[in-house]
């Protein structure tokens, strides 16, 4: 039986309070309310933020270099797929096409997303993984992708706290106390930054 895939988009990247030097990448369901937080490294977060803000570095960064090499070789990044999660670690495939061949390459999810941003490739996840790992946003919550408010950063932090509180409750309900402790630390650090 073929698994259902859901398309995601990057909503936010913020400092992670769970781990020093780490960041929280928040992916959101396209045309849906579920959000998926993923802890990523500082280098990958910086690479994503640079691309999202349209900053052109004086020399190519690693993800830019890889995208350029693929382009020169005539390889198209068709999509990425988050296919597995194990103990909080997300696993992804890059699906690439060259002439008549489709290639599937295993990649860290942070690298896959950074590359997808550069190559305008869609991001997908299996429905069952999203449902198991997601944070559900209630009706009336502020949409973190809108930037019409003057205090966007503050609103994003407040939304992030609400999202993290929901995840904390889910972790406690599932007796995943390690994850709950990390989420609690993230909430406390965000509250201190407000």
Protein backbone atom coordinates (compact mmCIF):
# COMPACT_ATOMS: atom_id res chain seq x y z
CA UNK A 1 0.00 0.00 0.00
CA UNK A 2 1.36 3.37 -1.03
CA UNK A 3 1.89 5.83 1.84
CA UNK A 4 0.28 9.26 1.60
CA UNK A 5 2.70 12.18 1.31
CA UNK A 6 2.03 15.69 2.66
CA UNK A 7 3.78 18.80 1.34
CA UNK A 8 5.54 21.03 3.87
CA UNK A 9 6.97 24.55 3.80
CA UNK A 10 9.52 26.30 6.01
CA UNK A 11 7.70 28.51 8.52
CA UNK A 12 10.35 29.55 11.02
CA UNK A 13 13.87 29.01 12.28
CA UNK A 14 14.70 30.03 15.84
CA UNK A 15 17.28 29.37 18.55
CA UNK A 16 16.82 26.04 20.28
CA UNK A 17 16.74 26.16 24.02
CA UNK A 18 17.10 22.39 24.20
CA UNK A 19 20.66 22.38 22.92
CA UNK A 20 23.29 25.09 22.94
CA UNK A 21 24.20 26.12 19.41
CA UNK A 22 21.21 24.33 17.90
CA UNK A 23 18.13 25.74 16.19
CA UNK A 24 14.51 24.73 15.77
CA UNK A 25 13.35 24.45 12.17
CA UNK A 26 9.55 24.59 11.98
CA UNK A 27 8.00 23.08 8.87
CA UNK A 28 4.30 23.64 8.26
CA UNK A 29 1.79 21.62 6.32
CA UNK A 30 0.87 23.36 3.06
CA UNK A 31 -2.89 24.05 3.17
CA UNK A 32 -3.07 22.60 6.68
CA UNK A 33 -2.54 23.39 10.33
CA UNK A 34 0.04 20.83 11.45
CA UNK A 35 3.58 21.97 12.16
CA UNK A 36 6.72 19.90 12.56
CA UNK A 37 9.61 21.15 14.71
CA UNK A 38 13.04 19.70 13.94
CA UNK A 39 16.25 20.46 15.86
CA UNK A 40 19.06 21.38 13.45
CA UNK A 41 22.63 22.61 13.66
CA UNK A 42 23.73 26.22 13.53
CA UNK A 43 25.47 25.86 10.15
CA UNK A 44 22.38 24.47 8.45
CA UNK A 45 20.16 27.08 10.12
CA UNK A 46 22.46 29.83 8.89
CA UNK A 47 22.42 28.38 5.37
CA UNK A 48 18.61 28.33 5.35
CA UNK A 49 18.25 31.84 6.78
CA UNK A 50 20.72 33.25 4.25
CA UNK A 51 18.72 31.73 1.39
CA UNK A 52 15.33 32.76 2.81
CA UNK A 53 16.48 36.36 3.23
CA UNK A 54 17.98 36.48 -0.26
CA UNK A 55 21.50 37.18 1.01
CA UNK A 56 24.18 36.44 -1.57
CA UNK A 57 27.46 35.46 0.10
CA UNK A 58 30.68 36.66 -1.56
CA UNK A 59 31.76 33.05 -2.10
CA UNK A 60 29.51 29.97 -2.48
CA UNK A 61 28.54 28.21 0.73
CA UNK A 62 28.45 24.40 0.76
CA UNK A 63 24.77 24.11 -0.14
CA UNK A 64 25.16 26.71 -2.92
CA UNK A 65 28.16 24.82 -4.25
CA UNK A 66 26.27 21.53 -4.26
CA UNK A 67 23.29 23.13 -6.02
CA UNK A 68 25.63 24.65 -8.64
CA UNK A 69 27.35 21.32 -9.27
CA UNK A 70 23.99 19.59 -9.75
CA UNK A 71 22.86 22.32 -12.14
CA UNK A 72 26.07 22.11 -14.22
CA UNK A 73 25.70 18.32 -14.39
CA UNK A 74 22.09 18.68 -15.57
CA UNK A 75 20.62 17.13 -12.44
CA UNK A 76 17.27 18.42 -11.19
CA UNK A 77 16.24 18.12 -7.55
CA UNK A 78 12.65 16.94 -7.92
CA UNK A 79 11.70 16.82 -4.23
CA UNK A 80 12.82 15.80 -0.79
CA UNK A 81 10.97 13.28 1.35
CA UNK A 82 11.20 12.93 5.11
CA UNK A 83 10.73 9.17 5.27
CA UNK A 84 11.58 8.17 8.83
CA UNK A 85 12.02 9.43 12.38
CA UNK A 86 13.94 7.50 14.99
CA UNK A 87 14.50 8.81 18.52
CA UNK A 88 13.96 12.41 17.43
CA UNK A 89 16.25 12.11 14.38
CA UNK A 90 14.55 12.76 11.03
CA UNK A 91 15.75 10.96 7.89
CA UNK A 92 15.27 12.26 4.34
CA UNK A 93 15.78 11.31 0.73
CA UNK A 94 16.72 13.62 -2.11
CA UNK A 95 14.95 12.61 -5.32
CA UNK A 96 16.96 13.78 -8.32
CA UNK A 97 16.50 13.35 -12.05
CA UNK A 98 19.15 13.28 -14.71
CA UNK A 99 18.04 12.56 -18.26
CA UNK A 100 16.01 9.36 -17.85
CA UNK A 101 17.34 8.27 -14.46
CA UNK A 102 15.76 9.07 -11.10
CA UNK A 103 18.16 8.92 -8.19
CA UNK A 104 17.27 8.57 -4.51
CA UNK A 105 19.98 9.72 -2.12
CA UNK A 106 19.87 9.59 1.67
CA UNK A 107 20.52 12.97 3.34
CA UNK A 108 20.28 14.71 6.67
CA UNK A 109 16.95 16.50 6.77
CA UNK A 110 18.61 19.85 7.54
CA UNK A 111 20.84 19.56 4.46
CA UNK A 112 17.91 18.37 2.33
CA UNK A 113 15.78 21.37 3.34
CA UNK A 114 18.67 23.81 2.79
CA UNK A 115 19.15 22.38 -0.70
CA UNK A 116 15.41 22.37 -1.45
CA UNK A 117 15.26 26.08 -0.62
CA UNK A 118 18.06 26.81 -3.09
CA UNK A 119 16.68 24.63 -5.86
CA UNK A 120 12.97 25.44 -5.39
CA UNK A 121 12.13 21.81 -4.71
CA UNK A 122 9.07 20.76 -2.70
CA UNK A 123 9.42 19.13 0.72
CA UNK A 124 7.26 16.12 1.55
CA UNK A 125 6.72 13.88 4.57
CA UNK A 126 4.75 10.70 5.04
CA UNK A 127 1.34 11.38 6.60
CA UNK A 128 1.86 8.93 9.46
CA UNK A 129 5.16 10.57 10.48
CA UNK A 130 3.67 14.06 10.35
CA UNK A 131 0.67 12.96 12.40
CA UNK A 132 2.87 11.30 15.03
CA UNK A 133 5.40 14.15 15.33
CA UNK A 134 3.37 17.26 14.57
CA UNK A 135 2.09 20.12 16.65
CA UNK A 136 -1.52 20.93 15.88
CA UNK A 137 -2.40 24.62 15.68
CA UNK A 138 -5.80 25.60 17.02
CA UNK A 139 -8.20 27.88 15.13
CA UNK A 140 -7.50 31.57 15.71
CA UNK A 141 -3.75 31.16 16.29
CA UNK A 142 -1.55 33.73 14.64
CA UNK A 143 -0.15 32.48 11.34
CA UNK A 144 3.64 32.67 11.73
CA UNK A 145 4.08 33.04 7.96
CA UNK A 146 2.29 36.42 7.87
CA UNK A 147 4.43 39.48 8.36
CA UNK A 148 1.82 42.23 8.37
CA UNK A 149 2.24 42.99 12.08
CA UNK A 150 4.91 45.48 13.16
CA UNK A 151 6.23 43.21 15.92
CA UNK A 152 6.64 40.09 13.80
CA UNK A 153 9.61 38.70 15.75
CA UNK A 154 7.72 39.00 19.03
CA UNK A 155 4.64 37.34 17.54
CA UNK A 156 6.76 34.53 16.13
CA UNK A 157 8.28 33.95 19.57
CA UNK A 158 4.84 33.91 21.19
CA UNK A 159 3.55 31.48 18.55
CA UNK A 160 6.66 29.35 19.04
CA UNK A 161 5.97 29.20 22.78
CA UNK A 162 2.39 28.05 22.15
CA UNK A 163 3.62 25.44 19.68
CA UNK A 164 6.27 24.23 22.09
CA UNK A 165 3.74 24.05 24.97
CA UNK A 166 1.54 21.81 22.82
CA UNK A 167 4.55 19.61 22.03
CA UNK A 168 5.51 19.54 25.71
CA UNK A 169 2.05 18.30 26.67
CA UNK A 170 2.21 15.65 23.95
CA UNK A 171 5.65 14.50 25.16
CA UNK A 172 4.40 14.27 28.77
CA UNK A 173 1.29 12.36 27.66
CA UNK A 174 3.52 9.93 25.77
CA UNK A 175 5.90 9.71 28.76
CA UNK A 176 8.79 10.93 26.59
CA UNK A 177 10.40 12.84 29.44
CA UNK A 178 13.71 13.55 27.69
CA UNK A 179 11.89 15.37 24.90
CA UNK A 180 9.66 17.07 27.47
CA UNK A 181 12.70 18.42 29.31
CA UNK A 182 14.20 19.78 26.08
CA UNK A 183 10.91 21.43 25.16
CA UNK A 184 10.56 22.93 28.66
CA UNK A 185 14.04 24.45 28.30
CA UNK A 186 13.11 25.89 24.88
CA UNK A 187 9.95 27.45 26.33
CA UNK A 188 11.86 29.01 29.22
CA UNK A 189 14.52 30.50 26.96
CA UNK A 190 11.91 31.97 24.60
CA UNK A 191 10.05 33.48 27.56
CA UNK A 192 13.30 35.08 28.75
CA UNK A 193 13.79 36.62 25.29
CA UNK A 194 10.37 38.31 25.23
